[in-house]
Protein backbone atom coordinates (compact mmCIF):
# COMPACT_ATOMS: atom_id res chain seq x y z
CA MET A 1 26.22 -4.22 3.25
CA ASN A 2 24.97 -7.80 3.10
CA GLY A 3 23.65 -7.52 6.65
CA PHE A 4 21.64 -4.44 5.73
CA ARG A 5 20.19 -6.12 2.63
CA SER A 6 19.16 -9.13 4.69
CA TYR A 7 17.61 -6.79 7.29
CA LEU A 8 15.60 -5.07 4.54
CA ALA A 9 14.44 -8.39 3.11
CA GLU A 10 13.37 -9.56 6.58
CA LEU A 11 11.59 -6.28 7.23
CA PHE A 12 9.27 -6.79 4.27
CA GLU A 13 8.51 -10.37 5.26
CA GLN A 14 6.77 -9.47 8.53
CA PRO A 15 3.30 -8.10 7.77
CA PHE A 16 0.71 -7.69 10.48
CA SER A 17 -1.95 -10.42 10.78
CA LEU A 18 -4.70 -10.50 8.17
CA LYS A 19 -8.03 -10.49 10.00
CA SER A 20 -10.57 -10.37 7.19
CA VAL A 21 -11.25 -9.61 3.54
CA ASN A 22 -14.39 -7.80 2.44
CA THR A 23 -15.41 -8.07 -1.22
CA GLY A 24 -18.12 -6.47 -3.29
CA ARG A 25 -18.89 -6.03 -6.95
CA SER A 26 -16.34 -3.31 -7.42
CA PHE A 27 -14.08 -3.41 -4.37
CA VAL A 28 -11.84 -5.63 -2.27
CA THR A 29 -10.70 -4.55 1.21
CA TYR A 30 -8.09 -6.29 3.36
CA PHE A 31 -8.15 -5.67 7.13
CA TYR A 32 -5.01 -6.31 9.19
CA GLU A 33 -4.71 -6.22 12.97
CA ILE A 34 -1.74 -4.29 14.39
CA ASP A 35 -1.83 -5.53 17.99
CA PRO A 36 -3.77 -8.73 18.74
CA LYS A 37 -3.82 -7.82 22.46
CA GLN A 38 -6.10 -4.87 21.77
CA ASN A 39 -9.79 -5.39 21.22
CA SER A 40 -9.93 -4.75 17.48
CA GLU A 41 -13.74 -4.83 17.25
CA ASN A 42 -14.56 -1.35 15.89
CA ASN A 43 -11.06 -0.15 16.84
CA LEU A 44 -9.67 1.67 13.80
CA ASP A 45 -6.46 2.58 15.66
CA ASN A 46 -5.57 -1.11 15.65
CA THR A 47 -6.18 -1.64 11.94
CA ILE A 48 -4.38 -1.30 8.63
CA THR A 49 -6.86 -1.24 5.77
CA VAL A 50 -5.83 -1.82 2.15
CA ASN A 51 -8.53 -0.97 -0.41
CA PHE A 52 -8.80 -1.88 -4.09
CA SER A 53 -11.55 -0.22 -6.13
CA HIS A 54 -12.49 -1.28 -9.66
CA ILE A 55 -12.41 2.05 -11.51
CA ASN A 56 -12.63 0.85 -15.11
CA PRO A 57 -14.07 -2.65 -15.50
CA ASP A 58 -13.70 -2.60 -19.31
CA GLU A 59 -9.93 -2.22 -18.99
CA ASP A 60 -9.68 -4.11 -15.65
CA GLU A 61 -8.17 -1.07 -13.90
CA TRP A 62 -8.05 -0.90 -10.11
CA ASP A 63 -7.19 1.96 -7.76
CA MET A 64 -5.41 1.14 -4.51
CA ASP A 65 -5.08 3.04 -1.22
CA PHE A 66 -4.31 2.18 2.38
CA ASP A 67 -4.58 3.70 5.83
CA ARG A 68 -3.45 2.99 9.36
CA GLY A 69 -5.99 3.70 12.03
CA GLY A 70 -8.28 5.41 9.54
CA THR A 71 -5.70 7.97 8.42
CA THR A 72 -3.16 8.22 5.62
CA ALA A 73 -1.11 10.68 7.68
CA LEU A 74 2.26 9.76 9.14
CA THR A 75 1.25 8.48 12.58
CA GLY A 76 4.65 8.58 14.28
CA LYS A 77 3.83 5.25 15.93
CA GLY A 78 6.78 3.50 14.32
CA GLU A 79 6.80 0.16 12.53
CA ALA A 80 6.72 1.79 9.08
CA GLY A 81 8.51 -1.28 7.68
CA ARG A 82 5.79 -3.59 8.95
CA VAL A 83 3.10 -1.25 7.62
CA PHE A 84 4.62 -1.44 4.13
CA ALA A 85 5.16 -5.20 4.49
CA THR A 86 1.43 -5.42 5.24
CA VAL A 87 0.49 -3.34 2.21
CA LEU A 88 2.75 -5.52 0.05
CA ASP A 89 1.09 -8.62 1.48
CA ALA A 90 -2.34 -7.31 0.48
CA VAL A 91 -1.08 -6.37 -2.98
CA LYS A 92 0.39 -9.87 -3.48
CA GLN A 93 -2.84 -11.55 -2.38
CA PHE A 94 -4.97 -9.26 -4.54
CA ILE A 95 -2.79 -9.76 -7.63
CA GLN A 96 -2.68 -13.54 -7.19
CA LYS A 97 -6.44 -13.80 -6.91
CA TYR A 98 -7.72 -11.13 -9.32
CA LYS A 99 -4.82 -10.74 -11.80
CA PRO A 100 -5.76 -7.13 -12.64
CA ASN A 101 -4.50 -5.60 -15.86
CA THR A 102 -3.71 -2.24 -14.24
CA VAL A 103 -3.24 -1.05 -10.65
CA LEU A 104 -2.81 2.63 -9.89
CA PHE A 105 -2.29 4.64 -6.75
CA THR A 106 -1.19 8.10 -5.71
CA ALA A 107 1.27 9.54 -3.23
CA ALA A 108 0.90 12.92 -1.61
CA LYS A 109 3.76 15.31 -2.35
CA ASN A 110 3.63 16.64 1.21
CA GLU A 111 2.88 14.32 4.10
CA LEU A 112 0.62 15.27 6.97
CA ARG A 113 1.90 14.31 10.42
CA ALA A 114 -0.93 13.03 12.57
CA THR A 115 0.94 13.84 15.80
CA ASP A 116 0.98 17.64 15.35
CA LEU A 117 -1.00 18.17 12.12
CA SER A 118 2.02 19.73 10.41
CA TYR A 119 3.18 19.03 6.86
CA ARG A 120 6.51 17.55 5.89
CA SER A 121 7.82 18.23 2.40
CA GLY A 122 9.00 15.29 0.41
CA SER A 123 6.95 12.21 0.79
CA ARG A 124 6.74 8.54 0.13
CA ILE A 125 7.28 9.04 -3.61
CA LYS A 126 10.93 7.90 -3.50
CA LEU A 127 10.00 4.96 -1.28
CA TYR A 128 7.24 3.92 -3.68
CA HIS A 129 9.63 4.08 -6.63
CA SER A 130 12.07 1.82 -4.74
CA LEU A 131 9.36 -0.64 -3.71
CA ILE A 132 7.99 -0.79 -7.27
CA LYS A 133 11.47 -1.38 -8.69
CA ARG A 134 12.05 -4.22 -6.23
CA PHE A 135 8.67 -5.95 -6.06
CA ALA A 136 6.62 -5.21 -9.21
CA PRO A 137 8.66 -7.44 -11.57
CA ARG A 138 8.39 -10.34 -9.09
CA MET A 139 4.61 -10.00 -9.21
CA GLY A 140 4.50 -9.79 -13.02
CA TYR A 141 4.00 -6.02 -13.29
CA LYS A 142 5.90 -3.04 -14.62
CA LEU A 143 5.68 0.67 -13.95
CA VAL A 144 4.20 2.27 -17.07
CA ASN A 145 3.57 5.75 -15.73
CA ALA A 146 4.72 7.86 -12.80
CA LYS A 147 3.90 11.55 -12.95
CA ASP A 148 2.77 14.55 -10.99
CA VAL A 149 -0.96 15.09 -10.96
CA GLY A 150 -1.58 18.67 -10.02
CA SER A 151 0.34 20.29 -7.21
CA VAL A 152 -0.38 17.80 -4.45
CA LYS A 153 -0.23 14.24 -5.85
CA HIS A 154 2.01 11.87 -7.76
CA LEU A 155 0.38 9.06 -9.76
CA PHE A 156 1.82 5.56 -10.21
CA VAL A 157 0.42 3.17 -12.82
CA LEU A 158 1.44 -0.50 -12.86
CA GLN A 159 0.49 -2.82 -15.69
CA ARG A 160 0.57 -6.59 -15.86
CA VAL A 161 3.29 -7.88 -18.16
CA LYS A 162 1.79 -10.05 -20.87
CA PRO A 163 3.57 -13.42 -21.26
């Protein structure tokens, strides 16, 4: 079991390379390059994008989403562990720099497969719960809400723990 735990820890320590960060008044976007051998100039297929949008400045609430190659669908291209390590890297950087009070994001209840445009029931909801349980406390956050929102989405709300 120890070998598996060490494999999991290693898996989340290998994000793709951060290429740039784009900031505006109400957004921060992190761009990561999947394969440095590909020409990534205007090549969405070679990019993981992690977006943070300021949705309620009075309460310092931010919405987060990410995509690989311009889609949130399951791509079937493998390296899911590195994709999530990359998203975690962006979250860590964002939290360290901006120290938001609240970060929220959603998970689809049924995942679209990009390869054949079919839907798979179940989704990343269980994975997100596991990642939150493992990483949120280390970053100074706690899960304050996780609930279904309509028939297609599940909402997660993380709040900074006050010292």
